[in-house]
Amino acid sequence: MTIEVGSQAPDFQLKDNHGRTVWLSEFRGEKNVVLVFYPFAFTGVCTGELCALRDELPRFENESTQLLAVSNDSIHTLRVFAEQEGLDYPLLSDFWPHGETSRAYGVFDEDKGCAVRGTFVIDKEGAVRWSVVNGLPDARDLKDYVKALEAL
């Protein structure tokens, strides 16, 4: 079951593509968070979505907002993917325990072994203020993220 708008976002502790530990709670009281789950690095739709975020990064990573992208890939895969695509924001690995954070947000596809395309806008108090969940082949529209952030 996907986390509902208005509920507290589950905290997590994940390694980024540089091996640093990132906690969602470290942004509480400081920044809104755009949390983007995607299935796999190096796939067509995922690469397109993450590069679109890269191209609009100042909207999603600034003094009031932090972008965090999560997949079930290893940190080593994410490091190469970020370098290859020029992604300068944290790519978080939900590799082990496999899919634990994706499951907490209700976006893990048990049959495929990966997250579906779930996005959550979390306010500075840690509440989910907006979300969208798409199936594996369906890209999301960044304009919707921008509108959700503007409404905070």
C-alpha atoms as a PDB file:
ATOM      1  CA  MET A   1       0.000   0.000   0.000  1.00  0.00           C
ATOM      2  CA  THR A   2       1.423   3.361  -1.046  1.00  0.00           C
ATOM      3  CA  ILE A   3       2.061   5.972   1.633  1.00  0.00           C
ATOM      4  CA  GLU A   4      -0.873   8.366   1.754  1.00  0.00           C
ATOM      5  CA  VAL A   5      -0.707  12.128   1.383  1.00  0.00           C
ATOM      6  CA  GLY A   6      -0.834  13.693   4.846  1.00  0.00           C
ATOM      7  CA  SER A   7       0.992  10.852   6.571  1.00  0.00           C
ATOM      8  CA  GLN A   8       4.523  10.998   7.954  1.00  0.00           C
ATOM      9  CA  ALA A   9       7.118   9.830   5.467  1.00  0.00           C
ATOM     10  CA  PRO A  10       8.931   6.713   6.684  1.00  0.00           C
ATOM     11  CA  ASP A  11      12.497   7.542   7.657  1.00  0.00           C
ATOM     12  CA  PHE A  12      15.278   5.626   5.993  1.00  0.00           C
ATOM     13  CA  GLN A  13      19.036   5.277   6.001  1.00  0.00           C
ATOM     14  CA  LEU A  14      20.526   4.509   2.565  1.00  0.00           C
ATOM     15  CA  LYS A  15      23.974   4.734   0.972  1.00  0.00           C
ATOM     16  CA  ASP A  16      24.402   7.129  -1.937  1.00  0.00           C
ATOM     17  CA  ASN A  17      26.435   6.607  -5.103  1.00  0.00           C
ATOM     18  CA  HIS A  18      29.568   7.775  -3.216  1.00  0.00           C
ATOM     19  CA  GLY A  19      29.038   5.428  -0.262  1.00  0.00           C
ATOM     20  CA  ARG A  20      27.815   8.156   2.105  1.00  0.00           C
ATOM     21  CA  THR A  21      24.871   7.403   4.368  1.00  0.00           C
ATOM     22  CA  VAL A  22      21.801   9.598   3.842  1.00  0.00           C
ATOM     23  CA  TRP A  23      18.878   9.715   6.277  1.00  0.00           C
ATOM     24  CA  LEU A  24      15.592  11.284   5.260  1.00  0.00           C
ATOM     25  CA  SER A  25      15.322  12.719   8.783  1.00  0.00           C
ATOM     26  CA  GLU A  26      18.476  14.826   8.298  1.00  0.00           C
ATOM     27  CA  PHE A  27      16.389  17.192   6.139  1.00  0.00           C
ATOM     28  CA  ARG A  28      13.562  17.568   8.678  1.00  0.00           C
ATOM     29  CA  GLY A  29      13.111  21.184   9.700  1.00  0.00           C
ATOM     30  CA  GLU A  30      15.564  22.251   6.979  1.00  0.00           C
ATOM     31  CA  LYS A  31      14.352  21.296   3.510  1.00  0.00           C
ATOM     32  CA  ASN A  32      11.452  19.867   1.563  1.00  0.00           C
ATOM     33  CA  VAL A  33      12.381  16.604  -0.147  1.00  0.00           C
ATOM     34  CA  VAL A  34      11.466  15.323  -3.592  1.00  0.00           C
ATOM     35  CA  LEU A  35      11.863  11.555  -3.246  1.00  0.00           C
ATOM     36  CA  VAL A  36      11.925   9.766  -6.604  1.00  0.00           C
ATOM     37  CA  PHE A  37      11.876   5.968  -6.838  1.00  0.00           C
ATOM     38  CA  TYR A  38      12.848   4.461 -10.196  1.00  0.00           C
ATOM     39  CA  PRO A  39      13.282   0.851 -11.354  1.00  0.00           C
ATOM     40  CA  PHE A  40      16.845   0.539 -12.694  1.00  0.00           C
ATOM     41  CA  ALA A  41      19.848   2.589 -13.744  1.00  0.00           C
ATOM     42  CA  PHE A  42      20.808   2.488 -17.428  1.00  0.00           C
ATOM     43  CA  THR A  43      17.289   1.757 -18.694  1.00  0.00           C
ATOM     44  CA  GLY A  44      15.658   4.045 -21.246  1.00  0.00           C
ATOM     45  CA  VAL A  45      12.767   5.589 -19.320  1.00  0.00           C
ATOM     46  CA  CYS A  46      14.756   5.849 -16.073  1.00  0.00           C
ATOM     47  CA  THR A  47      17.689   7.522 -17.805  1.00  0.00           C
ATOM     48  CA  GLY A  48      15.319   9.962 -19.488  1.00  0.00           C
ATOM     49  CA  GLU A  49      13.579  10.860 -16.230  1.00  0.00           C
ATOM     50  CA  LEU A  50      16.793  11.295 -14.241  1.00  0.00           C
ATOM     51  CA  CYS A  51      18.424  13.366 -16.992  1.00  0.00           C
ATOM     52  CA  ALA A  52      15.322  15.586 -17.117  1.00  0.00           C
ATOM     53  CA  LEU A  53      15.747  16.157 -13.364  1.00  0.00           C
ATOM     54  CA  ARG A  54      19.436  16.926 -13.976  1.00  0.00           C
ATOM     55  CA  ASP A  55      18.493  19.498 -16.608  1.00  0.00           C
ATOM     56  CA  GLU A  56      16.080  21.228 -14.200  1.00  0.00           C
ATOM     57  CA  LEU A  57      18.138  20.636 -11.045  1.00  0.00           C
ATOM     58  CA  PRO A  58      17.901  24.178  -9.595  1.00  0.00           C
ATOM     59  CA  ARG A  59      14.135  23.647  -9.235  1.00  0.00           C
ATOM     60  CA  PHE A  60      14.663  20.462  -7.207  1.00  0.00           C
ATOM     61  CA  GLU A  61      17.883  21.063  -5.326  1.00  0.00           C
ATOM     62  CA  ASN A  62      18.256  24.484  -3.709  1.00  0.00           C
ATOM     63  CA  GLU A  63      18.143  26.221  -0.320  1.00  0.00           C
ATOM     64  CA  SER A  64      14.635  24.899   0.408  1.00  0.00           C
ATOM     65  CA  THR A  65      14.495  21.590  -1.471  1.00  0.00           C
ATOM     66  CA  GLN A  66      16.547  18.386  -1.729  1.00  0.00           C
ATOM     67  CA  LEU A  67      16.189  15.827  -4.508  1.00  0.00           C
ATOM     68  CA  LEU A  68      16.801  12.162  -3.628  1.00  0.00           C
ATOM     69  CA  ALA A  69      16.515   9.397  -6.242  1.00  0.00           C
ATOM     70  CA  VAL A  70      16.226   5.772  -5.076  1.00  0.00           C
ATOM     71  CA  SER A  71      16.619   2.492  -6.954  1.00  0.00           C
ATOM     72  CA  ASN A  72      17.367  -1.082  -6.008  1.00  0.00           C
ATOM     73  CA  ASP A  73      20.729  -0.983  -7.796  1.00  0.00           C
ATOM     74  CA  SER A  74      24.043  -1.306  -5.927  1.00  0.00           C
ATOM     75  CA  ILE A  75      26.012   1.823  -5.012  1.00  0.00           C
ATOM     76  CA  HIS A  76      28.671   0.773  -7.536  1.00  0.00           C
ATOM     77  CA  THR A  77      26.148   0.680 -10.375  1.00  0.00           C
ATOM     78  CA  LEU A  78      24.753   4.038  -9.272  1.00  0.00           C
ATOM     79  CA  ARG A  79      28.223   5.602  -9.170  1.00  0.00           C
ATOM     80  CA  VAL A  80      28.946   4.629 -12.791  1.00  0.00           C
ATOM     81  CA  PHE A  81      25.450   5.665 -13.887  1.00  0.00           C
ATOM     82  CA  ALA A  82      25.795   9.102 -12.241  1.00  0.00           C
ATOM     83  CA  GLU A  83      29.223   9.646 -13.788  1.00  0.00           C
ATOM     84  CA  GLN A  84      28.071   8.566 -17.235  1.00  0.00           C
ATOM     85  CA  GLU A  85      24.952  10.768 -17.204  1.00  0.00           C
ATOM     86  CA  GLY A  86      26.355  13.735 -15.249  1.00  0.00           C
ATOM     87  CA  LEU A  87      23.897  13.329 -12.374  1.00  0.00           C
ATOM     88  CA  ASP A  88      25.022  15.621  -9.544  1.00  0.00           C
ATOM     89  CA  TYR A  89      22.343  14.753  -7.009  1.00  0.00           C
ATOM     90  CA  PRO A  90      22.208  11.792  -4.612  1.00  0.00           C
ATOM     91  CA  LEU A  91      21.337   8.426  -6.115  1.00  0.00           C
ATOM     92  CA  LEU A  92      20.437   6.186  -3.185  1.00  0.00           C
ATOM     93  CA  SER A  93      20.772   2.419  -3.144  1.00  0.00           C
ATOM     94  CA  ASP A  94      17.895   0.367  -1.745  1.00  0.00           C
ATOM     95  CA  PHE A  95      19.877  -2.755  -2.629  1.00  0.00           C
ATOM     96  CA  TRP A  96      20.163  -4.408   0.779  1.00  0.00           C
ATOM     97  CA  PRO A  97      18.058  -5.329   2.583  1.00  0.00           C
ATOM     98  CA  HIS A  98      16.649  -5.553  -0.920  1.00  0.00           C
ATOM     99  CA  GLY A  99      13.818  -3.072  -1.430  1.00  0.00           C
ATOM    100  CA  GLU A 100      13.246  -2.310   2.258  1.00  0.00           C
ATOM    101  CA  THR A 101      12.692   1.426   1.700  1.00  0.00           C
ATOM    102  CA  SER A 102      10.718   0.866  -1.508  1.00  0.00           C
ATOM    103  CA  ARG A 103       8.440  -1.486   0.424  1.00  0.00           C
ATOM    104  CA  ALA A 104       8.019   1.072   3.231  1.00  0.00           C
ATOM    105  CA  TYR A 105       6.688   3.545   0.647  1.00  0.00           C
ATOM    106  CA  GLY A 106       4.527   0.904  -1.043  1.00  0.00           C
ATOM    107  CA  VAL A 107       6.300   1.091  -4.407  1.00  0.00           C
ATOM    108  CA  PHE A 108       8.172  -2.230  -4.562  1.00  0.00           C
ATOM    109  CA  ASP A 109       7.093  -4.648  -7.286  1.00  0.00           C
ATOM    110  CA  GLU A 110       7.632  -8.098  -5.765  1.00  0.00           C
ATOM    111  CA  ASP A 111       7.388  -9.889  -9.115  1.00  0.00           C
ATOM    112  CA  LYS A 112       9.991  -7.676 -10.832  1.00  0.00           C
ATOM    113  CA  GLY A 113      12.232  -7.171  -7.788  1.00  0.00           C
ATOM    114  CA  CYS A 114      12.396  -3.401  -8.178  1.00  0.00           C
ATOM    115  CA  ALA A 115      10.636  -0.173  -7.337  1.00  0.00           C
ATOM    116  CA  VAL A 116       7.957   1.192  -9.625  1.00  0.00           C
ATOM    117  CA  ARG A 117       7.977   4.894 -10.499  1.00  0.00           C
ATOM    118  CA  GLY A 118       6.867   6.542  -7.264  1.00  0.00           C
ATOM    119  CA  THR A 119       7.456  10.191  -6.397  1.00  0.00           C
ATOM    120  CA  PHE A 120       6.776  11.773  -3.019  1.00  0.00           C
ATOM    121  CA  VAL A 121       7.032  15.460  -2.124  1.00  0.00           C
ATOM    122  CA  ILE A 122       7.774  15.644   1.588  1.00  0.00           C
ATOM    123  CA  ASP A 123       7.555  18.919   3.493  1.00  0.00           C
ATOM    124  CA  LYS A 124      10.028  20.223   6.061  1.00  0.00           C
ATOM    125  CA  GLU A 125       8.038  18.616   8.871  1.00  0.00           C
ATOM    126  CA  GLY A 126       8.345  15.183   7.253  1.00  0.00           C
ATOM    127  CA  ALA A 127       4.762  14.877   5.972  1.00  0.00           C
ATOM    128  CA  VAL A 128       3.971  13.577   2.497  1.00  0.00           C
ATOM    129  CA  ARG A 129       2.256  16.477   0.749  1.00  0.00           C
ATOM    130  CA  TRP A 130       1.949  15.046  -2.783  1.00  0.00           C
ATOM    131  CA  SER A 131       2.613  11.769  -4.550  1.00  0.00           C
ATOM    132  CA  VAL A 132       2.277   9.985  -7.850  1.00  0.00           C
ATOM    133  CA  VAL A 133       2.923   6.323  -8.638  1.00  0.00           C
ATOM    134  CA  ASN A 134       3.306   5.106 -12.203  1.00  0.00           C
ATOM    135  CA  GLY A 135       3.915   1.645 -13.569  1.00  0.00           C
ATOM    136  CA  LEU A 136       7.310   0.556 -14.870  1.00  0.00           C
ATOM    137  CA  PRO A 137       6.915   1.775 -18.475  1.00  0.00           C
ATOM    138  CA  ASP A 138       5.179   5.091 -17.680  1.00  0.00           C
ATOM    139  CA  ALA A 139       7.380   8.180 -17.305  1.00  0.00           C
ATOM    140  CA  ARG A 140       6.366  10.949 -14.918  1.00  0.00           C
ATOM    141  CA  ASP A 141       5.918  14.639 -15.739  1.00  0.00           C
ATOM    142  CA  LEU A 142       8.340  16.986 -13.951  1.00  0.00           C
ATOM    143  CA  LYS A 143       5.841  19.830 -14.228  1.00  0.00           C
ATOM    144  CA  ASP A 144       3.718  18.017 -11.649  1.00  0.00           C
ATOM    145  CA  TYR A 145       6.657  18.012  -9.187  1.00  0.00           C
ATOM    146  CA  VAL A 146       7.178  21.736  -9.702  1.00  0.00           C
ATOM    147  CA  LYS A 147       3.493  22.476  -9.027  1.00  0.00           C
ATOM    148  CA  ALA A 148       3.561  20.354  -5.862  1.00  0.00           C
ATOM    149  CA  LEU A 149       6.656  22.187  -4.579  1.00  0.00           C
ATOM    150  CA  GLU A 150       5.147  25.582  -5.364  1.00  0.00           C
ATOM    151  CA  ALA A 151       2.078  24.652  -3.304  1.00  0.00           C
ATOM    152  CA  LEU A 152       4.188  24.152  -0.131  1.00  0.00           C
END
